[in-house]
Amino acid sequence: LHQDQDLDSDSNNLVSSEDENYLYLEHDSDSNSDSNSDSCLVGTLLGENLFLCDSDEVKVFNVTSTPVEVQKLPLVPRDWQVCGSKLLIGADNSWMIYEMEKDQYHKIFEAKQEIFSP
Protein backbone atom coordinates (compact mmCIF):
# COMPACT_ATOMS: atom_id res chain seq x y z
CA LEU A 1 0.00 0.00 0.00
CA HIS A 2 1.08 3.57 -0.60
CA GLN A 3 0.96 4.39 3.11
CA ASP A 4 4.27 2.60 3.73
CA GLN A 5 6.10 4.56 1.05
CA ASP A 6 9.14 6.61 1.91
CA LEU A 7 8.56 10.35 1.92
CA ASP A 8 11.68 10.62 -0.26
CA SER A 9 10.08 8.65 -3.08
CA ASP A 10 7.22 11.15 -3.21
CA SER A 11 9.41 14.25 -3.13
CA ASN A 12 9.42 14.55 -6.92
CA ASN A 13 5.63 14.79 -6.92
CA LEU A 14 5.58 17.76 -4.57
CA VAL A 15 3.73 20.69 -6.10
CA SER A 16 3.51 23.91 -4.17
CA SER A 17 0.46 26.04 -4.80
CA GLU A 18 0.17 29.82 -4.44
CA ASP A 19 -0.32 29.40 -0.70
CA GLU A 20 3.02 28.25 0.67
CA ASN A 21 1.37 26.62 3.68
CA TYR A 22 -0.35 23.93 1.63
CA LEU A 23 1.32 21.10 -0.26
CA TYR A 24 -0.44 18.64 -2.51
CA LEU A 25 1.07 15.20 -3.01
CA GLU A 26 -0.36 13.17 -5.83
CA HIS A 27 -0.84 9.46 -5.29
CA ASP A 28 0.57 7.01 -7.79
CA SER A 29 -2.08 6.47 -10.42
CA ASP A 30 -1.66 2.69 -10.29
CA SER A 31 -2.40 2.39 -6.59
CA ASN A 32 -5.71 0.63 -6.13
CA SER A 33 -7.69 2.92 -3.89
CA ASP A 34 -11.40 3.31 -3.38
CA SER A 35 -13.15 5.29 -6.08
CA ASN A 36 -14.50 7.78 -3.54
CA SER A 37 -11.13 8.52 -1.93
CA ASP A 38 -9.35 11.79 -2.60
CA SER A 39 -6.85 11.76 -5.43
CA CYS A 40 -4.22 13.73 -3.55
CA LEU A 41 -2.63 13.90 -0.14
CA VAL A 42 -3.23 17.24 1.59
CA GLY A 43 -0.62 18.65 3.92
CA THR A 44 -0.33 21.67 6.17
CA LEU A 45 2.97 23.06 7.35
CA LEU A 46 2.78 24.73 10.75
CA GLY A 47 5.90 25.75 12.61
CA GLU A 48 8.27 22.78 12.64
CA ASN A 49 5.54 20.22 11.95
CA LEU A 50 4.17 18.97 8.64
CA PHE A 51 0.72 17.34 8.79
CA LEU A 52 -0.09 14.97 5.92
CA CYS A 53 -3.69 13.84 5.64
CA ASP A 54 -4.16 10.52 3.86
CA SER A 55 -7.40 8.61 3.32
CA ASP A 56 -7.21 6.86 6.70
CA GLU A 57 -4.70 8.72 8.88
CA VAL A 58 -2.92 11.94 9.66
CA LYS A 59 0.87 11.71 9.82
CA VAL A 60 2.85 14.31 11.75
CA PHE A 61 6.40 15.02 10.57
CA ASN A 62 9.01 17.21 12.22
CA VAL A 63 10.73 19.13 9.44
CA THR A 64 13.51 20.98 11.27
CA SER A 65 16.11 19.14 9.16
CA THR A 66 15.27 15.94 7.28
CA PRO A 67 11.55 15.16 7.61
CA VAL A 68 11.17 12.64 10.42
CA GLU A 69 7.83 11.06 11.19
CA VAL A 70 7.09 11.66 14.85
CA GLN A 71 3.54 10.39 15.08
CA LYS A 72 0.80 8.64 13.16
CA LEU A 73 -2.84 9.25 14.10
CA PRO A 74 -5.01 6.33 12.90
CA LEU A 75 -8.17 8.15 11.84
CA VAL A 76 -10.61 8.58 9.02
CA PRO A 77 -10.68 12.37 9.07
CA ARG A 78 -13.21 14.37 7.14
CA ASP A 79 -11.94 17.72 8.22
CA TRP A 80 -9.03 18.75 10.37
CA GLN A 81 -7.17 21.88 11.35
CA VAL A 82 -4.37 22.96 13.61
CA CYS A 83 -4.80 25.82 16.05
CA GLY A 84 -1.80 26.57 18.23
CA SER A 85 -0.91 23.44 20.18
CA LYS A 86 -4.28 21.81 19.41
CA LEU A 87 -5.35 19.62 16.51
CA LEU A 88 -9.08 19.41 15.74
CA ILE A 89 -10.25 16.41 13.72
CA GLY A 90 -13.74 15.73 12.42
CA ALA A 91 -14.35 12.06 11.68
CA ASP A 92 -17.49 10.35 10.40
CA ASN A 93 -19.40 10.44 13.70
CA SER A 94 -17.28 12.42 16.13
CA TRP A 95 -15.04 15.41 16.64
CA MET A 96 -11.75 14.99 18.50
CA ILE A 97 -9.32 17.50 19.92
CA TYR A 98 -5.68 16.54 20.41
CA GLU A 99 -3.15 18.66 22.27
CA MET A 100 0.59 18.69 21.62
CA GLU A 101 2.52 17.67 24.71
CA LYS A 102 6.21 16.69 24.68
CA ASP A 103 6.23 16.38 20.85
CA GLN A 104 3.25 14.00 20.82
CA TYR A 105 -0.47 14.60 20.35
CA HIS A 106 -2.78 13.33 23.08
CA LYS A 107 -6.57 13.25 22.79
CA ILE A 108 -8.11 15.63 25.31
CA PHE A 109 -11.71 15.76 24.08
CA GLU A 110 -14.11 13.77 21.93
CA ALA A 111 -17.66 14.74 20.99
CA LYS A 112 -19.77 11.90 19.62
CA GLN A 113 -22.54 12.50 17.13
CA GLU A 114 -25.19 11.65 19.75
CA ILE A 115 -24.48 14.99 21.43
CA PHE A 116 -25.81 16.81 18.37
CA SER A 117 -28.75 14.50 17.63
CA PRO A 118 -32.22 15.51 18.83
C-alpha atoms as a PDB file:
ATOM      1  CA  LEU A   1       0.000   0.000   0.000  1.00  0.00           C
ATOM      2  CA  HIS A   2       1.081   3.570  -0.601  1.00  0.00           C
ATOM      3  CA  GLN A   3       0.962   4.388   3.108  1.00  0.00           C
ATOM      4  CA  ASP A   4       4.267   2.602   3.728  1.00  0.00           C
ATOM      5  CA  GLN A   5       6.104   4.560   1.051  1.00  0.00           C
ATOM      6  CA  ASP A   6       9.143   6.613   1.910  1.00  0.00           C
ATOM      7  CA  LEU A   7       8.555  10.346   1.917  1.00  0.00           C
ATOM      8  CA  ASP A   8      11.680  10.622  -0.259  1.00  0.00           C
ATOM      9  CA  SER A   9      10.083   8.650  -3.078  1.00  0.00           C
ATOM     10  CA  ASP A  10       7.225  11.152  -3.210  1.00  0.00           C
ATOM     11  CA  SER A  11       9.414  14.250  -3.128  1.00  0.00           C
ATOM     12  CA  ASN A  12       9.418  14.546  -6.916  1.00  0.00           C
ATOM     13  CA  ASN A  13       5.625  14.785  -6.924  1.00  0.00           C
ATOM     14  CA  LEU A  14       5.582  17.760  -4.573  1.00  0.00           C
ATOM     15  CA  VAL A  15       3.734  20.693  -6.102  1.00  0.00           C
ATOM     16  CA  SER A  16       3.507  23.913  -4.169  1.00  0.00           C
ATOM     17  CA  SER A  17       0.464  26.043  -4.802  1.00  0.00           C
ATOM     18  CA  GLU A  18       0.174  29.818  -4.439  1.00  0.00           C
ATOM     19  CA  ASP A  19      -0.321  29.401  -0.701  1.00  0.00           C
ATOM     20  CA  GLU A  20       3.023  28.249   0.670  1.00  0.00           C
ATOM     21  CA  ASN A  21       1.371  26.618   3.681  1.00  0.00           C
ATOM     22  CA  TYR A  22      -0.347  23.926   1.632  1.00  0.00           C
ATOM     23  CA  LEU A  23       1.316  21.102  -0.255  1.00  0.00           C
ATOM     24  CA  TYR A  24      -0.440  18.644  -2.511  1.00  0.00           C
ATOM     25  CA  LEU A  25       1.073  15.204  -3.011  1.00  0.00           C
ATOM     26  CA  GLU A  26      -0.365  13.170  -5.832  1.00  0.00           C
ATOM     27  CA  HIS A  27      -0.836   9.457  -5.290  1.00  0.00           C
ATOM     28  CA  ASP A  28       0.570   7.007  -7.793  1.00  0.00           C
ATOM     29  CA  SER A  29      -2.085   6.471 -10.423  1.00  0.00           C
ATOM     30  CA  ASP A  30      -1.660   2.691 -10.294  1.00  0.00           C
ATOM     31  CA  SER A  31      -2.401   2.388  -6.588  1.00  0.00           C
ATOM     32  CA  ASN A  32      -5.710   0.628  -6.132  1.00  0.00           C
ATOM     33  CA  SER A  33      -7.690   2.921  -3.893  1.00  0.00           C
ATOM     34  CA  ASP A  34     -11.396   3.313  -3.375  1.00  0.00           C
ATOM     35  CA  SER A  35     -13.149   5.293  -6.078  1.00  0.00           C
ATOM     36  CA  ASN A  36     -14.504   7.777  -3.537  1.00  0.00           C
ATOM     37  CA  SER A  37     -11.130   8.521  -1.934  1.00  0.00           C
ATOM     38  CA  ASP A  38      -9.355  11.788  -2.604  1.00  0.00           C
ATOM     39  CA  SER A  39      -6.846  11.758  -5.428  1.00  0.00           C
ATOM     40  CA  CYS A  40      -4.217  13.727  -3.546  1.00  0.00           C
ATOM     41  CA  LEU A  41      -2.633  13.900  -0.136  1.00  0.00           C
ATOM     42  CA  VAL A  42      -3.229  17.237   1.590  1.00  0.00           C
ATOM     43  CA  GLY A  43      -0.621  18.649   3.923  1.00  0.00           C
ATOM     44  CA  THR A  44      -0.333  21.674   6.165  1.00  0.00           C
ATOM     45  CA  LEU A  45       2.975  23.062   7.350  1.00  0.00           C
ATOM     46  CA  LEU A  46       2.781  24.727  10.747  1.00  0.00           C
ATOM     47  CA  GLY A  47       5.901  25.750  12.610  1.00  0.00           C
ATOM     48  CA  GLU A  48       8.268  22.783  12.637  1.00  0.00           C
ATOM     49  CA  ASN A  49       5.539  20.221  11.947  1.00  0.00           C
ATOM     50  CA  LEU A  50       4.166  18.970   8.636  1.00  0.00           C
ATOM     51  CA  PHE A  51       0.724  17.344   8.790  1.00  0.00           C
ATOM     52  CA  LEU A  52      -0.086  14.972   5.922  1.00  0.00           C
ATOM     53  CA  CYS A  53      -3.687  13.843   5.639  1.00  0.00           C
ATOM     54  CA  ASP A  54      -4.163  10.516   3.863  1.00  0.00           C
ATOM     55  CA  SER A  55      -7.404   8.614   3.324  1.00  0.00           C
ATOM     56  CA  ASP A  56      -7.211   6.863   6.695  1.00  0.00           C
ATOM     57  CA  GLU A  57      -4.702   8.718   8.878  1.00  0.00           C
ATOM     58  CA  VAL A  58      -2.917  11.942   9.660  1.00  0.00           C
ATOM     59  CA  LYS A  59       0.869  11.715   9.825  1.00  0.00           C
ATOM     60  CA  VAL A  60       2.853  14.309  11.753  1.00  0.00           C
ATOM     61  CA  PHE A  61       6.400  15.018  10.570  1.00  0.00           C
ATOM     62  CA  ASN A  62       9.014  17.213  12.223  1.00  0.00           C
ATOM     63  CA  VAL A  63      10.732  19.127   9.438  1.00  0.00           C
ATOM     64  CA  THR A  64      13.514  20.981  11.275  1.00  0.00           C
ATOM     65  CA  SER A  65      16.110  19.135   9.159  1.00  0.00           C
ATOM     66  CA  THR A  66      15.267  15.944   7.281  1.00  0.00           C
ATOM     67  CA  PRO A  67      11.547  15.164   7.609  1.00  0.00           C
ATOM     68  CA  VAL A  68      11.171  12.644  10.417  1.00  0.00           C
ATOM     69  CA  GLU A  69       7.831  11.060  11.193  1.00  0.00           C
ATOM     70  CA  VAL A  70       7.087  11.665  14.850  1.00  0.00           C
ATOM     71  CA  GLN A  71       3.536  10.392  15.082  1.00  0.00           C
ATOM     72  CA  LYS A  72       0.800   8.644  13.162  1.00  0.00           C
ATOM     73  CA  LEU A  73      -2.837   9.250  14.104  1.00  0.00           C
ATOM     74  CA  PRO A  74      -5.012   6.330  12.897  1.00  0.00           C
ATOM     75  CA  LEU A  75      -8.166   8.145  11.842  1.00  0.00           C
ATOM     76  CA  VAL A  76     -10.606   8.579   9.015  1.00  0.00           C
ATOM     77  CA  PRO A  77     -10.681  12.366   9.068  1.00  0.00           C
ATOM     78  CA  ARG A  78     -13.211  14.374   7.136  1.00  0.00           C
ATOM     79  CA  ASP A  79     -11.944  17.722   8.215  1.00  0.00           C
ATOM     80  CA  TRP A  80      -9.027  18.749  10.373  1.00  0.00           C
ATOM     81  CA  GLN A  81      -7.174  21.885  11.348  1.00  0.00           C
ATOM     82  CA  VAL A  82      -4.366  22.960  13.605  1.00  0.00           C
ATOM     83  CA  CYS A  83      -4.796  25.821  16.053  1.00  0.00           C
ATOM     84  CA  GLY A  84      -1.802  26.572  18.231  1.00  0.00           C
ATOM     85  CA  SER A  85      -0.909  23.440  20.179  1.00  0.00           C
ATOM     86  CA  LYS A  86      -4.275  21.813  19.413  1.00  0.00           C
ATOM     87  CA  LEU A  87      -5.348  19.616  16.510  1.00  0.00           C
ATOM     88  CA  LEU A  88      -9.085  19.411  15.738  1.00  0.00           C
ATOM     89  CA  ILE A  89     -10.250  16.412  13.717  1.00  0.00           C
ATOM     90  CA  GLY A  90     -13.742  15.734  12.420  1.00  0.00           C
ATOM     91  CA  ALA A  91     -14.345  12.060  11.681  1.00  0.00           C
ATOM     92  CA  ASP A  92     -17.494  10.348  10.402  1.00  0.00           C
ATOM     93  CA  ASN A  93     -19.397  10.442  13.696  1.00  0.00           C
ATOM     94  CA  SER A  94     -17.282  12.420  16.126  1.00  0.00           C
ATOM     95  CA  TRP A  95     -15.035  15.407  16.643  1.00  0.00           C
ATOM     96  CA  MET A  96     -11.755  14.985  18.498  1.00  0.00           C
ATOM     97  CA  ILE A  97      -9.320  17.496  19.925  1.00  0.00           C
ATOM     98  CA  TYR A  98      -5.682  16.536  20.413  1.00  0.00           C
ATOM     99  CA  GLU A  99      -3.151  18.659  22.266  1.00  0.00           C
ATOM    100  CA  MET A 100       0.593  18.687  21.624  1.00  0.00           C
ATOM    101  CA  GLU A 101       2.524  17.674  24.715  1.00  0.00           C
ATOM    102  CA  LYS A 102       6.208  16.686  24.676  1.00  0.00           C
ATOM    103  CA  ASP A 103       6.231  16.383  20.853  1.00  0.00           C
ATOM    104  CA  GLN A 104       3.253  13.995  20.817  1.00  0.00           C
ATOM    105  CA  TYR A 105      -0.466  14.604  20.354  1.00  0.00           C
ATOM    106  CA  HIS A 106      -2.775  13.333  23.084  1.00  0.00           C
ATOM    107  CA  LYS A 107      -6.566  13.248  22.791  1.00  0.00           C
ATOM    108  CA  ILE A 108      -8.105  15.626  25.315  1.00  0.00           C
ATOM    109  CA  PHE A 109     -11.713  15.763  24.080  1.00  0.00           C
ATOM    110  CA  GLU A 110     -14.114  13.772  21.932  1.00  0.00           C
ATOM    111  CA  ALA A 111     -17.661  14.740  20.991  1.00  0.00           C
ATOM    112  CA  LYS A 112     -19.766  11.899  19.618  1.00  0.00           C
ATOM    113  CA  GLN A 113     -22.540  12.503  17.129  1.00  0.00           C
ATOM    114  CA  GLU A 114     -25.188  11.652  19.751  1.00  0.00           C
ATOM    115  CA  ILE A 115     -24.480  14.992  21.426  1.00  0.00           C
ATOM    116  CA  PHE A 116     -25.807  16.805  18.365  1.00  0.00           C
ATOM    117  CA  SER A 117     -28.746  14.502  17.635  1.00  0.00           C
ATOM    118  CA  PRO A 118     -32.217  15.513  18.828  1.00  0.00           C
END
